[in-house]
Amino acid sequence: MKVYIIFYFQVHQPFRIAPYSFFDIGTGKSYFDEDLNRAVFNKVSDRCYIPANNLFKELILESDGRFKISFSLTGTFIEQAKLYRPDVYQSFIDLWQTGGVELLSETYYHSLASIFDLEEFVEQVDEHIKLMKREFGHEPTVFRNTELIYFDKLSDVLINFPSLQTILIEGADRILMGELPLYPHWSSNHAHLLLLKHYKLSDDIAFRFSDRSWPEWPLTVEKYVRWVRDLSLVEKHGRNLYLGLFMDYETFGEHQWAESGIFEFMRHLIRELLKEPQIDFLFPSEVLKTLNFVPKALSVPTPTSWADTERDLSAWLSNPLQWNAMKSIFELLRLAKEKGRWDLIPTIKKLTTSDHFYYMCIKYFQDGDVHKYFSPYPSPEVAYRYFLNIIADLEEQLED
C-alpha cells in the first residue's frame, strides 16, 4: 500500500476592469486597468512565481524527477505573463522542461461558462487545450474546472474531449457522506476518474500556515509528515491512498509571505516526504495506472467548488448583483456571436472571468474578509457599477 501525493496548483490572473463611470460610456476608454494589472502581476511575480518556480525546479532536479507537481495555467495568465513578464513565462517553460510538471486543461478565461453557457464552456476548454499545445507542445489528459467547480453534467459535456480522462474536484463533505477524500471515484456516468482535494491538509498550508491563532501553529515539517504518514492507519484493505493537495500557487510568497518561512517549509517538507518509503508523488494522469482497487461511482447532482466555507457557487452567485452581471455578460456574448462581432468577442470573453463576480460578493466574517482582500475596488457595489457601465458601452457598440 502506498500514499500518493498529488500536488496541484492553480495559476491565474484576471484582466481587472478599470474604474468605468457612466460618463465613460461611448468615449472609447479602455475597459481594463493596464497599470493595475501590470503592477499586480509584477508584485506576484517577484513574491511568488519566480521564487516558487526556482524552488520547485530545484526539488525536481535534485530528486531525479521523483518530486512531481501539476499546474493549470489559465489563458489570461499566459497572456499577461507574455505581456508584462517574459521572464516569468520563460520560467514556467523551464520548469515544464524538467519533466517534473504536468499541465492540466481548464477554461481559457477561468469562467463560469459551465454554469451559464455549455457551448461557450466547450469553446473555452478547446481554446485552452490549443493554448497548451501551442505554448508547451502538450495535450492535457486531466481537467480542472474554474475553482474546482464540478457537477455530474460536466462529465457528460467533457466527453466531447476524448483525451480528457481525469477530473479534479473538491472533496466536499456533503458529497462524500462520511467517506475520506483519499480514494478516487468514477463520475456518475463512469466516463472520468475523479480525484478529490483533501481540503484540510491543503488548507493547513494554503490558509493556516502563518495563522498564530490556529491551535496547530506553528506548522512544522515533522508534524505535517506525521499527519501524512498517519493517513495509512485508516486503510485496512491495502488500497492505495491518494492525497490531493490542491491550492492557489500564490500560497507561496503572496498569501503566505516569504517571511513566514513558507519556502523553507516546503523545501524541507518535500525532502522529508521523499525519504518515506510508503510515500510517493504522482501526476494526476498517473493515478489510473496505480489503482489497486475498483473505484466507486460518485454522484454530484449540484455544483461544488473549493471556494468559501460553503464550497458551492455562492462566492460568485450569492446576491442579485452577481446574478444580473453574470447573466448579462453571457447574454451579451451570445448576441455578439449571433452578429458576428469577432472584434468584440475576445474582450467580452475576458469579462466572463470569475474574478469579476467574486469582487461583487457581499459576505461577512471570514469569507467576506477573503473577498475584500482580493478585490481592488472600494466595495462590491462599486465593482458591479463599473461592470454594468462597461456592458452598456458594449451594448452600444453591438447596436452600431
Protein backbone atom coordinates (compact mmCIF):
# COMPACT_ATOMS: atom_id res chain seq x y z
CA MET A 1 0.00 0.00 0.00
CA LYS A 2 1.21 3.49 -0.91
CA VAL A 3 0.23 7.02 0.00
CA TYR A 4 0.46 9.00 -3.24
CA ILE A 5 0.67 12.79 -3.02
CA ILE A 6 -0.81 14.78 -5.90
CA PHE A 7 0.25 18.43 -5.79
CA TYR A 8 -1.88 20.70 -7.97
CA PHE A 9 -1.52 24.49 -8.22
CA GLN A 10 -3.88 26.99 -9.84
CA VAL A 11 -2.00 29.78 -11.65
CA HIS A 12 -4.33 32.58 -12.69
CA GLN A 13 -4.52 36.33 -13.14
CA PRO A 14 -7.65 38.16 -14.35
CA PHE A 15 -7.75 41.27 -16.52
CA ARG A 16 -9.14 43.58 -13.83
CA ILE A 17 -11.50 46.24 -15.12
CA ALA A 18 -10.82 49.98 -14.82
CA PRO A 19 -12.96 52.44 -12.85
CA TYR A 20 -15.58 52.96 -15.55
CA SER A 21 -18.23 55.59 -14.90
CA PHE A 22 -21.49 56.35 -16.68
CA PHE A 23 -19.76 59.29 -18.34
CA ASP A 24 -17.10 56.97 -19.83
CA ILE A 25 -19.70 55.17 -21.96
CA GLY A 26 -19.13 55.92 -25.63
CA THR A 27 -15.76 57.64 -25.08
CA GLY A 28 -13.56 54.74 -26.17
CA LYS A 29 -11.93 54.44 -22.74
CA SER A 30 -10.23 51.09 -22.14
CA TYR A 31 -12.25 48.61 -20.11
CA PHE A 32 -9.19 47.16 -18.40
CA ASP A 33 -6.85 48.79 -15.89
CA GLU A 34 -3.50 48.06 -17.50
CA ASP A 35 -1.46 49.88 -14.85
CA LEU A 36 -3.13 47.88 -12.06
CA ASN A 37 -2.82 44.58 -13.92
CA ARG A 38 0.87 45.17 -14.61
CA ALA A 39 1.53 46.22 -11.01
CA VAL A 40 -0.23 43.17 -9.55
CA PHE A 41 1.49 40.82 -11.97
CA ASN A 42 4.90 42.27 -11.17
CA LYS A 43 4.26 42.06 -7.44
CA VAL A 44 3.09 38.44 -7.55
CA SER A 45 5.90 37.51 -9.94
CA ASP A 46 8.57 38.77 -7.56
CA ARG A 47 6.93 37.34 -4.45
CA CYS A 48 5.62 34.05 -5.82
CA TYR A 49 6.14 32.95 -9.42
CA ILE A 50 9.90 33.42 -9.69
CA PRO A 51 10.94 32.14 -6.22
CA ALA A 52 8.39 29.29 -6.23
CA ASN A 53 9.40 28.16 -9.72
CA ASN A 54 13.05 28.23 -8.69
CA LEU A 55 12.30 26.22 -5.57
CA PHE A 56 10.25 23.54 -7.31
CA LYS A 57 12.73 23.28 -10.17
CA GLU A 58 15.49 22.71 -7.61
CA LEU A 59 13.46 19.98 -5.86
CA ILE A 60 12.52 18.22 -9.10
CA LEU A 61 16.12 18.14 -10.31
CA GLU A 62 17.68 17.06 -7.03
CA SER A 63 15.13 14.24 -6.66
CA ASP A 64 15.74 12.99 -10.22
CA GLY A 65 12.08 13.59 -11.01
CA ARG A 66 10.60 11.75 -8.02
CA PHE A 67 9.04 15.01 -6.89
CA LYS A 68 6.15 15.93 -9.21
CA ILE A 69 3.68 18.78 -9.40
CA SER A 70 0.87 19.84 -11.71
CA PHE A 71 -0.40 23.25 -12.84
CA SER A 72 -3.40 24.73 -14.56
CA LEU A 73 -2.20 27.91 -16.25
CA THR A 74 -5.17 29.99 -17.39
CA GLY A 75 -5.17 31.68 -20.76
CA THR A 76 -5.41 35.10 -19.12
CA PHE A 77 -2.34 34.28 -17.01
CA ILE A 78 -0.31 33.24 -20.06
CA GLU A 79 -1.37 36.40 -21.90
CA GLN A 80 -0.27 38.63 -19.01
CA ALA A 81 2.98 36.73 -18.46
CA LYS A 82 3.97 37.25 -22.09
CA LEU A 83 2.83 40.88 -21.98
CA TYR A 84 4.26 42.01 -18.63
CA ARG A 85 6.91 39.50 -17.54
CA PRO A 86 8.52 37.35 -20.26
CA ASP A 87 10.95 36.09 -17.62
CA VAL A 88 8.04 34.55 -15.70
CA TYR A 89 6.69 32.96 -18.87
CA GLN A 90 10.16 31.51 -19.59
CA SER A 91 10.49 30.23 -16.01
CA PHE A 92 7.32 28.14 -16.47
CA ILE A 93 8.71 26.82 -19.77
CA ASP A 94 11.95 25.89 -17.98
CA LEU A 95 10.04 24.22 -15.15
CA TRP A 96 7.93 22.25 -17.64
CA GLN A 97 11.07 21.06 -19.42
CA THR A 98 12.38 19.39 -16.26
CA GLY A 99 9.83 16.62 -16.83
CA GLY A 100 8.56 17.03 -13.27
CA VAL A 101 5.46 19.05 -14.21
CA GLU A 102 2.08 18.07 -15.64
CA LEU A 103 -0.10 20.72 -17.28
CA LEU A 104 -3.87 20.46 -16.92
CA SER A 105 -6.82 21.59 -19.00
CA GLU A 106 -9.38 24.16 -17.89
CA THR A 107 -11.44 27.05 -19.29
CA TYR A 108 -9.19 29.54 -21.08
CA TYR A 109 -10.81 32.52 -19.33
CA HIS A 110 -11.28 30.92 -15.90
CA SER A 111 -15.01 31.46 -16.29
CA LEU A 112 -18.32 30.07 -15.04
CA ALA A 113 -19.34 29.12 -18.59
CA SER A 114 -20.07 25.58 -17.34
CA ILE A 115 -22.97 27.05 -15.36
CA PHE A 116 -24.32 29.61 -17.84
CA ASP A 117 -23.44 28.52 -21.39
CA LEU A 118 -22.30 24.98 -22.13
CA GLU A 119 -21.48 25.76 -25.77
CA GLU A 120 -19.20 28.58 -24.60
CA PHE A 121 -17.75 26.22 -21.99
CA VAL A 122 -16.77 23.75 -24.72
CA GLU A 123 -15.27 26.63 -26.74
CA GLN A 124 -13.16 27.81 -23.81
CA VAL A 125 -11.92 24.31 -22.97
CA ASP A 126 -10.98 23.78 -26.62
CA GLU A 127 -9.25 27.16 -26.70
CA HIS A 128 -7.24 26.25 -23.60
CA ILE A 129 -6.19 22.84 -24.96
CA LYS A 130 -4.99 24.55 -28.13
CA LEU A 131 -3.05 27.03 -25.95
CA MET A 132 -1.28 24.20 -24.13
CA LYS A 133 -0.37 22.56 -27.43
CA ARG A 134 0.86 25.83 -28.90
CA GLU A 135 2.88 27.06 -25.92
CA PHE A 136 4.13 23.77 -24.45
CA GLY A 137 3.55 21.11 -27.11
CA HIS A 138 1.34 19.24 -24.66
CA GLU A 139 -2.21 17.86 -24.90
CA PRO A 140 -3.67 17.59 -21.38
CA THR A 141 -5.42 14.43 -20.22
CA VAL A 142 -6.60 15.90 -16.89
CA PHE A 143 -9.22 18.62 -16.45
CA ARG A 144 -9.94 21.03 -13.63
CA ASN A 145 -12.81 23.43 -13.93
CA THR A 146 -12.67 27.02 -12.68
CA GLU A 147 -12.24 26.95 -8.88
CA LEU A 148 -12.77 23.16 -8.97
CA ILE A 149 -16.46 23.60 -9.86
CA TYR A 150 -17.94 20.19 -10.60
CA PHE A 151 -21.34 18.54 -11.04
CA ASP A 152 -22.49 15.42 -12.88
CA LYS A 153 -23.42 17.19 -16.12
CA LEU A 154 -19.84 18.38 -16.52
CA SER A 155 -18.59 14.87 -17.16
CA ASP A 156 -21.27 14.39 -19.82
CA VAL A 157 -20.09 17.53 -21.62
CA LEU A 158 -16.38 16.70 -21.35
CA ILE A 159 -16.96 13.50 -23.31
CA ASN A 160 -16.55 15.91 -26.26
CA PHE A 161 -12.82 15.79 -25.44
CA PRO A 162 -11.72 12.13 -25.64
CA SER A 163 -8.20 12.95 -24.44
CA LEU A 164 -9.54 14.06 -21.03
CA GLN A 165 -9.69 11.06 -18.71
CA THR A 166 -9.49 12.56 -15.22
CA ILE A 167 -11.13 15.50 -13.42
CA LEU A 168 -10.01 17.22 -10.22
CA ILE A 169 -12.80 18.11 -7.80
CA GLU A 170 -13.29 19.42 -4.25
CA GLY A 171 -13.57 16.76 -1.55
CA ALA A 172 -16.69 18.39 -0.13
CA ASP A 173 -18.17 16.63 2.88
CA ARG A 174 -21.71 16.74 1.52
CA ILE A 175 -20.85 14.58 -1.49
CA LEU A 176 -18.60 12.11 0.35
CA MET A 177 -21.15 11.38 3.07
CA GLY A 178 -18.57 10.40 5.66
CA GLU A 179 -16.03 8.81 3.31
CA LEU A 180 -12.49 10.15 3.22
CA PRO A 181 -11.27 12.15 0.17
CA LEU A 182 -8.36 9.73 -0.24
CA TYR A 183 -9.98 7.41 -2.77
CA PRO A 184 -10.59 8.32 -6.43
CA HIS A 185 -14.11 7.75 -7.75
CA TRP A 186 -15.68 7.28 -11.15
CA SER A 187 -18.00 10.00 -12.34
CA SER A 188 -21.66 9.02 -12.18
CA ASN A 189 -21.58 8.15 -15.92
CA HIS A 190 -18.28 6.20 -15.50
CA ALA A 191 -16.63 8.39 -18.15
CA HIS A 192 -13.97 10.09 -15.99
CA LEU A 193 -11.89 9.36 -12.92
CA LEU A 194 -12.47 11.95 -10.18
CA LEU A 195 -9.56 12.97 -7.94
CA LEU A 196 -10.58 14.73 -4.74
CA LYS A 197 -8.94 17.57 -2.89
CA HIS A 198 -8.15 16.85 0.77
CA TYR A 199 -9.22 20.29 1.89
CA LYS A 200 -8.00 20.03 5.47
CA LEU A 201 -4.39 19.14 4.68
CA SER A 202 -4.40 21.51 1.69
CA ASP A 203 -5.73 24.43 3.71
CA ASP A 204 -3.31 23.76 6.56
CA ILE A 205 -0.64 25.01 4.16
CA ALA A 206 -2.65 27.41 1.99
CA PHE A 207 -4.56 29.29 4.71
CA ARG A 208 -3.42 28.33 8.21
CA PHE A 209 0.37 28.15 7.87
CA SER A 210 1.01 31.61 9.34
CA ASP A 211 -2.16 31.87 11.47
CA ARG A 212 -0.91 32.26 15.03
CA SER A 213 -4.43 31.70 16.40
CA TRP A 214 -4.51 28.19 14.89
CA PRO A 215 -4.10 25.57 17.64
CA GLU A 216 -1.56 23.69 15.49
CA TRP A 217 0.63 26.75 14.87
CA PRO A 218 3.50 26.62 14.18
CA LEU A 219 3.19 24.03 11.43
CA THR A 220 6.44 22.12 11.40
CA VAL A 221 7.76 19.70 8.79
CA GLU A 222 7.83 16.87 11.33
CA LYS A 223 4.20 17.45 12.27
CA TYR A 224 2.96 17.57 8.67
CA VAL A 225 4.94 14.47 7.64
CA ARG A 226 3.41 12.64 10.60
CA TRP A 227 -0.10 13.66 9.52
CA VAL A 228 0.55 12.34 6.01
CA ARG A 229 2.14 9.14 7.29
CA ASP A 230 -0.75 8.52 9.66
CA LEU A 231 -3.28 8.59 6.81
CA SER A 232 -2.36 4.97 6.12
CA LEU A 233 -3.77 3.95 9.51
CA VAL A 234 -7.33 4.34 8.19
CA GLU A 235 -6.86 1.81 5.38
CA LYS A 236 -7.45 -1.82 6.43
CA HIS A 237 -7.62 -3.46 2.99
CA GLY A 238 -4.31 -2.50 1.40
CA ARG A 239 -5.79 0.04 -1.01
CA ASN A 240 -3.52 2.83 -2.20
CA LEU A 241 -4.38 6.28 -0.88
CA TYR A 242 -4.32 9.47 -2.96
CA LEU A 243 -3.74 12.71 -1.10
CA GLY A 244 -4.87 15.63 -3.26
CA LEU A 245 -3.09 18.79 -2.11
CA PHE A 246 -4.72 21.42 -4.32
CA MET A 247 -4.15 25.14 -3.79
CA ASP A 248 -3.52 28.54 -5.37
CA TYR A 249 0.09 28.93 -6.47
CA GLU A 250 0.06 32.32 -4.79
CA THR A 251 0.05 30.47 -1.48
CA PHE A 252 3.82 30.66 -1.78
CA GLY A 253 5.12 34.15 -1.18
CA GLU A 254 1.89 36.12 -1.69
CA HIS A 255 -0.78 34.69 0.65
CA GLN A 256 1.91 33.25 2.90
CA TRP A 257 4.78 35.73 2.76
CA ALA A 258 8.37 34.59 2.43
CA GLU A 259 8.96 36.00 5.93
CA SER A 260 6.56 33.35 7.29
CA GLY A 261 9.05 30.66 6.32
CA ILE A 262 6.78 29.07 3.71
CA PHE A 263 9.52 28.47 1.14
CA GLU A 264 11.89 26.81 3.60
CA PHE A 265 8.97 24.79 4.99
CA MET A 266 8.17 23.46 1.51
CA ARG A 267 11.82 22.76 0.70
CA HIS A 268 12.31 20.64 3.81
CA LEU A 269 8.81 19.11 3.68
CA ILE A 270 9.37 17.72 0.19
CA ARG A 271 12.81 16.38 1.10
CA GLU A 272 11.45 14.63 4.18
CA LEU A 273 8.44 13.18 2.35
CA LEU A 274 10.77 11.76 -0.29
CA LYS A 275 12.56 9.80 2.46
CA GLU A 276 9.35 7.98 3.44
CA PRO A 277 9.25 4.50 1.82
CA GLN A 278 5.44 4.40 1.68
CA ILE A 279 5.00 7.89 0.20
CA ASP A 280 5.40 8.83 -3.47
CA PHE A 281 4.44 11.79 -5.65
CA LEU A 282 2.22 11.36 -8.69
CA PHE A 283 0.95 13.33 -11.65
CA PRO A 284 -2.87 13.30 -11.75
CA SER A 285 -2.70 11.41 -15.05
CA GLU A 286 -0.75 8.57 -13.38
CA VAL A 287 -3.46 7.69 -10.89
CA LEU A 288 -5.28 5.38 -13.31
CA LYS A 289 -2.11 3.28 -13.69
CA THR A 290 -1.57 2.90 -9.94
CA LEU A 291 -5.07 1.97 -8.76
CA ASN A 292 -5.15 -1.36 -6.93
CA PHE A 293 -8.92 -1.30 -6.33
CA VAL A 294 -12.08 -0.62 -8.28
CA PRO A 295 -13.30 2.95 -7.54
CA LYS A 296 -16.92 3.58 -6.64
CA ALA A 297 -19.08 5.91 -8.70
CA LEU A 298 -19.76 9.32 -7.16
CA SER A 299 -22.81 11.43 -7.93
CA VAL A 300 -22.58 15.22 -7.59
CA PRO A 301 -26.04 16.48 -8.59
CA THR A 302 -25.45 20.12 -7.58
CA PRO A 303 -22.25 22.12 -8.16
CA THR A 304 -19.39 22.02 -5.67
CA SER A 305 -16.28 24.21 -5.66
CA TRP A 306 -13.28 24.92 -3.46
CA ALA A 307 -14.40 28.50 -2.68
CA ASP A 308 -15.54 29.78 0.73
CA THR A 309 -16.81 27.65 3.59
CA GLU A 310 -19.93 26.57 1.65
CA ARG A 311 -17.84 25.03 -1.17
CA ASP A 312 -20.56 25.83 -3.69
CA LEU A 313 -21.25 28.66 -6.17
CA SER A 314 -22.08 31.31 -3.57
CA ALA A 315 -18.70 33.05 -3.96
CA TRP A 316 -19.91 34.23 -7.39
CA LEU A 317 -23.71 33.88 -7.28
CA SER A 318 -24.98 34.70 -3.79
CA ASN A 319 -26.62 38.08 -4.48
CA PRO A 320 -28.70 39.80 -7.21
CA LEU A 321 -25.76 41.96 -8.33
CA GLN A 322 -23.72 38.89 -9.23
CA TRP A 323 -26.61 37.10 -10.92
CA ASN A 324 -27.51 40.12 -13.03
CA ALA A 325 -23.91 40.80 -14.05
CA MET A 326 -23.26 37.15 -14.89
CA LYS A 327 -26.45 36.67 -16.91
CA SER A 328 -25.89 39.98 -18.72
CA ILE A 329 -22.35 39.19 -19.86
CA PHE A 330 -23.22 35.72 -21.17
CA GLU A 331 -26.28 37.09 -22.98
CA LEU A 332 -24.06 39.80 -24.48
CA LEU A 333 -21.57 37.16 -25.59
CA ARG A 334 -24.30 35.13 -27.31
CA LEU A 335 -25.55 38.28 -29.07
CA ALA A 336 -22.04 39.19 -30.24
CA LYS A 337 -21.64 35.70 -31.73
CA GLU A 338 -25.00 35.96 -33.49
CA LYS A 339 -23.99 39.29 -35.04
CA GLY A 340 -20.54 38.01 -35.95
CA ARG A 341 -18.78 40.72 -33.93
CA TRP A 342 -15.47 38.85 -33.71
CA ASP A 343 -13.76 42.17 -32.94
CA LEU A 344 -15.61 42.33 -29.60
CA ILE A 345 -15.75 38.67 -28.62
CA PRO A 346 -12.23 38.35 -27.08
CA THR A 347 -12.95 41.37 -24.88
CA ILE A 348 -16.34 40.02 -23.80
CA LYS A 349 -14.77 36.64 -23.01
CA LYS A 350 -12.28 38.38 -20.70
CA LEU A 351 -15.31 39.78 -18.87
CA THR A 352 -16.62 36.24 -18.23
CA THR A 353 -13.65 35.59 -15.89
CA SER A 354 -15.00 34.53 -12.50
CA ASP A 355 -12.96 37.10 -10.54
CA HIS A 356 -15.18 39.97 -11.69
CA PHE A 357 -18.16 38.40 -9.93
CA TYR A 358 -16.10 37.34 -6.92
CA TYR A 359 -15.42 41.04 -6.30
CA MET A 360 -19.20 41.64 -6.19
CA CYS A 361 -19.76 39.16 -3.38
CA ILE A 362 -21.38 40.52 -0.21
CA LYS A 363 -20.44 38.20 2.63
CA TYR A 364 -19.39 38.70 6.21
CA PHE A 365 -16.98 37.14 8.69
CA GLN A 366 -14.01 35.15 7.38
CA ASP A 367 -15.28 34.62 3.82
CA GLY A 368 -16.11 38.31 3.49
CA ASP A 369 -12.60 39.24 4.62
CA VAL A 370 -11.11 36.99 1.94
CA HIS A 371 -13.23 38.59 -0.78
CA LYS A 372 -12.18 42.07 0.37
CA TYR A 373 -8.52 41.02 0.41
CA PHE A 374 -8.62 40.07 -3.28
CA SER A 375 -10.81 42.92 -4.54
CA PRO A 376 -9.16 46.07 -5.94
CA TYR A 377 -12.45 48.00 -5.60
CA PRO A 378 -13.83 50.00 -2.65
CA SER A 379 -16.97 47.84 -2.38
CA PRO A 380 -18.94 45.09 -4.18
CA GLU A 381 -21.43 47.72 -5.32
CA VAL A 382 -18.69 49.80 -6.97
CA ALA A 383 -17.31 46.73 -8.77
CA TYR A 384 -20.83 45.98 -10.02
CA ARG A 385 -21.39 49.57 -11.20
CA TYR A 386 -18.15 49.65 -13.22
CA PHE A 387 -19.03 46.29 -14.77
CA LEU A 388 -22.56 47.36 -15.77
CA ASN A 389 -21.25 50.57 -17.34
CA ILE A 390 -18.89 48.50 -19.48
CA ILE A 391 -21.77 46.26 -20.52
CA ALA A 392 -23.76 49.37 -21.52
CA ASP A 393 -20.84 50.53 -23.67
CA LEU A 394 -20.60 47.13 -25.34
CA GLU A 395 -24.34 47.13 -25.99
CA GLU A 396 -23.98 50.46 -27.79
CA GLN A 397 -21.19 49.01 -29.93
CA LEU A 398 -23.30 45.97 -30.80
CA GLU A 399 -26.11 48.27 -31.96
CA ASP A 400 -23.80 50.17 -34.34
